[in-house]
Amino acid sequence: MTRRRIFGALLGVFLIGVALGILFTVANPNFAESMFENLRRLLGQKVGDVHENPFGTFLLIFSNNARVAIIAALGGFLFGIVPIGILLFNGFVVGIVVEYSYLQGTPISTLILSIVPHGIVEIPAFAVAGLGGIEWYLEIIKGEGTIGERFRRGFKNSMKMLGISIALLFIAAVIEAYITPALAGI
């Protein structure tokens, strides 16, 4: 499988997760509400008001996303399952948040402005980290040389992809903490 196909498949997995989250919210609005409120409470306790402490918001978002990217990159060599699960779960959560917010009367324009500015960078960044992990796995099983050489070569490539991912996540966190709230009016 080519790099482009794997990357596209990972983005597709995220979109499937979004669709499942939306469907889940429609089918189970009470559970979705409980999940949404728990997320809001958890993030609210760690961040507080985004307008009062955008740097704290940035640090929380960036450190959490970098941790997830590291897990995706390092977990990718386990048959590619970890990055697929991460993108599916993140999409699922986005789907729940979007649909729940929409059902609560949040205008679509606000939802779009709350997600797209940073999401257009953040979601591909997770896919890049996952791609590095999956390529590591593929190098181990299909590469040339000894298993040790393939492992090291795949790991080195995975770490390059992780570096790109973390740089993108830094940009996404800046956008999410400083620009998205102003654009979306949140």
Protein backbone atom coordinates (compact mmCIF):
# COMPACT_ATOMS: atom_id res chain seq x y z
CA MET A 1 0.00 0.00 0.00
CA THR A 2 1.36 3.43 -0.87
CA ARG A 3 1.89 6.20 1.63
CA ARG A 4 -0.89 8.27 0.04
CA ARG A 5 -3.38 5.39 0.27
CA ILE A 6 -2.59 4.69 3.91
CA PHE A 7 -2.89 8.39 4.74
CA GLY A 8 -6.24 8.59 2.90
CA ALA A 9 -7.46 5.44 4.62
CA LEU A 10 -6.61 6.92 8.03
CA LEU A 11 -8.52 10.11 7.20
CA GLY A 12 -11.40 7.91 6.03
CA VAL A 13 -11.35 6.07 9.37
CA PHE A 14 -11.65 9.44 11.14
CA LEU A 15 -14.67 10.36 8.99
CA ILE A 16 -16.27 6.99 9.70
CA GLY A 17 -15.77 7.73 13.39
CA VAL A 18 -17.49 11.12 12.97
CA ALA A 19 -20.44 9.47 11.23
CA LEU A 20 -20.69 6.82 13.94
CA GLY A 21 -20.56 9.50 16.65
CA ILE A 22 -23.38 11.41 14.98
CA LEU A 23 -25.48 8.26 14.60
CA PHE A 24 -24.75 7.25 18.18
CA THR A 25 -25.86 10.66 19.45
CA VAL A 26 -29.11 10.49 17.48
CA ALA A 27 -29.79 6.95 18.78
CA ASN A 28 -28.68 7.59 22.39
CA PRO A 29 -29.07 11.28 23.18
CA ASN A 30 -29.02 10.80 26.97
CA PHE A 31 -25.75 8.87 26.93
CA ALA A 32 -24.27 11.37 24.46
CA GLU A 33 -25.33 14.21 26.76
CA SER A 34 -23.63 12.51 29.71
CA MET A 35 -20.45 11.99 27.68
CA PHE A 36 -20.53 15.56 26.40
CA GLU A 37 -20.96 16.97 29.92
CA ASN A 38 -18.14 14.80 31.27
CA LEU A 39 -15.84 16.07 28.52
CA ARG A 40 -16.84 19.65 29.22
CA ARG A 41 -16.32 19.22 32.96
CA LEU A 42 -12.95 17.50 32.49
CA LEU A 43 -11.64 20.08 30.03
CA GLY A 44 -13.13 22.96 32.01
CA GLN A 45 -11.31 21.85 35.16
CA LYS A 46 -7.98 21.61 33.34
CA VAL A 47 -8.29 24.73 31.21
CA GLY A 48 -10.75 27.07 32.83
CA ASP A 49 -11.99 29.90 30.63
CA VAL A 50 -10.15 29.89 27.32
CA HIS A 51 -10.34 33.69 27.20
CA GLU A 52 -8.71 34.05 30.62
CA ASN A 53 -5.87 31.61 29.98
CA PRO A 54 -5.24 30.90 26.28
CA PHE A 55 -1.66 29.81 27.00
CA GLY A 56 -2.88 27.21 29.50
CA THR A 57 -5.38 26.05 26.90
CA PHE A 58 -2.60 25.81 24.32
CA LEU A 59 -0.39 23.79 26.68
CA LEU A 60 -3.20 21.38 27.55
CA ILE A 61 -4.23 20.86 23.93
CA PHE A 62 -0.68 20.52 22.62
CA SER A 63 0.54 18.16 25.35
CA ASN A 64 -2.54 15.94 25.06
CA ASN A 65 -2.37 15.81 21.26
CA ALA A 66 1.39 15.21 21.23
CA ARG A 67 0.88 12.31 23.65
CA VAL A 68 -1.79 10.81 21.39
CA ALA A 69 0.46 11.22 18.33
CA ILE A 70 3.32 9.47 20.13
CA ILE A 71 1.01 6.58 21.01
CA ALA A 72 -0.17 6.39 17.38
CA ALA A 73 3.39 6.40 16.03
CA LEU A 74 4.77 3.88 18.51
CA GLY A 75 1.65 1.72 18.45
CA GLY A 76 1.48 1.55 14.68
CA PHE A 77 3.94 -1.31 14.48
CA LEU A 78 1.35 -3.46 16.30
CA PHE A 79 -0.36 -4.41 13.03
CA GLY A 80 -1.46 -0.79 12.48
CA ILE A 81 -4.32 -1.20 14.95
CA VAL A 82 -3.43 1.58 17.39
CA PRO A 83 -3.50 4.54 14.93
CA ILE A 84 -6.69 3.21 13.36
CA GLY A 85 -8.30 3.03 16.81
CA ILE A 86 -7.09 6.51 17.74
CA LEU A 87 -8.49 8.11 14.57
CA LEU A 88 -11.77 6.19 14.86
CA PHE A 89 -12.20 7.19 18.52
CA ASN A 90 -11.29 10.85 17.91
CA GLY A 91 -13.74 10.96 15.02
CA PHE A 92 -16.40 9.36 17.22
CA VAL A 93 -15.91 12.01 19.91
CA VAL A 94 -16.02 14.81 17.31
CA GLY A 95 -19.24 13.34 15.91
CA ILE A 96 -20.83 13.23 19.36
CA VAL A 97 -19.78 16.80 20.20
CA VAL A 98 -20.94 18.18 16.86
CA GLU A 99 -24.30 16.40 16.83
CA TYR A 100 -25.01 17.05 20.51
CA SER A 101 -24.15 20.74 20.12
CA TYR A 102 -26.32 20.95 17.00
CA LEU A 103 -29.25 19.30 18.81
CA GLN A 104 -28.80 21.86 21.60
CA GLY A 105 -29.24 24.68 19.10
CA THR A 106 -25.67 25.65 18.26
CA PRO A 107 -25.69 27.14 14.76
CA ILE A 108 -23.90 25.14 12.07
CA SER A 109 -21.69 28.16 11.32
CA THR A 110 -20.47 28.16 14.93
CA LEU A 111 -19.82 24.43 14.81
CA ILE A 112 -17.82 24.77 11.61
CA LEU A 113 -15.81 27.69 12.99
CA SER A 114 -15.20 25.73 16.20
CA ILE A 115 -13.69 22.75 14.41
CA VAL A 116 -12.39 23.54 10.92
CA PRO A 117 -9.68 26.17 11.64
CA HIS A 118 -7.59 23.88 13.82
CA GLY A 119 -9.05 20.56 12.65
CA ILE A 120 -7.77 21.04 9.12
CA VAL A 121 -4.26 20.82 10.59
CA GLU A 122 -4.86 18.58 13.63
CA ILE A 123 -6.58 15.60 11.99
CA PRO A 124 -3.98 15.19 9.22
CA ALA A 125 -1.29 15.49 11.92
CA PHE A 126 -2.72 12.45 13.72
CA ALA A 127 -2.90 10.63 10.39
CA VAL A 128 0.78 11.46 9.72
CA ALA A 129 1.78 10.02 13.12
CA GLY A 130 -0.30 6.92 12.45
CA LEU A 131 1.13 6.62 8.96
CA GLY A 132 4.63 6.58 10.42
CA GLY A 133 3.65 3.80 12.80
CA ILE A 134 1.99 1.73 10.09
CA GLU A 135 4.97 2.18 7.78
CA TRP A 136 7.17 0.96 10.64
CA TYR A 137 5.07 -2.20 10.84
CA LEU A 138 5.16 -2.66 7.06
CA GLU A 139 8.94 -2.19 7.02
CA ILE A 140 9.31 -4.90 9.66
CA ILE A 141 7.20 -7.43 7.75
CA LYS A 142 8.08 -6.50 4.13
CA GLY A 143 11.40 -4.67 4.23
CA GLU A 144 14.78 -5.93 3.14
CA GLY A 145 17.61 -6.95 5.44
CA THR A 146 17.65 -8.54 8.86
CA ILE A 147 14.75 -8.07 11.25
CA GLY A 148 16.93 -5.72 13.32
CA GLU A 149 17.75 -3.57 10.31
CA ARG A 150 14.11 -3.42 9.25
CA PHE A 151 13.04 -2.57 12.81
CA ARG A 152 15.58 0.29 13.07
CA ARG A 153 14.82 1.62 9.58
CA GLY A 154 11.08 1.56 10.27
CA PHE A 155 11.54 3.19 13.67
CA LYS A 156 13.69 5.96 12.18
CA ASN A 157 11.06 6.70 9.54
CA SER A 158 8.30 6.59 12.15
CA MET A 159 10.15 9.16 14.28
CA LYS A 160 10.54 11.47 11.26
CA MET A 161 6.80 11.25 10.65
CA LEU A 162 6.17 11.82 14.36
CA GLY A 163 8.32 14.98 14.22
CA ILE A 164 6.23 16.30 11.33
CA SER A 165 3.07 15.40 13.22
CA ILE A 166 4.17 17.19 16.39
CA ALA A 167 5.10 20.31 14.43
CA LEU A 168 1.62 20.30 12.85
CA LEU A 169 0.00 19.70 16.25
CA PHE A 170 1.88 22.71 17.64
CA ILE A 171 0.38 24.86 14.87
CA ALA A 172 -3.07 23.34 15.42
CA ALA A 173 -2.90 24.00 19.18
CA VAL A 174 -1.97 27.66 18.59
CA ILE A 175 -4.93 27.98 16.23
CA GLU A 176 -7.28 26.17 18.64
CA ALA A 177 -6.25 28.20 21.69
CA TYR A 178 -5.90 31.66 20.15
CA ILE A 179 -7.76 31.86 16.81
CA THR A 180 -10.66 29.41 16.95
CA PRO A 181 -12.32 31.01 20.03
CA ALA A 182 -12.27 34.44 18.35
CA LEU A 183 -13.59 33.09 15.04
CA ALA A 184 -16.32 30.97 16.59
CA GLY A 185 -17.24 33.46 19.28
CA ILE A 186 -16.73 30.92 22.05
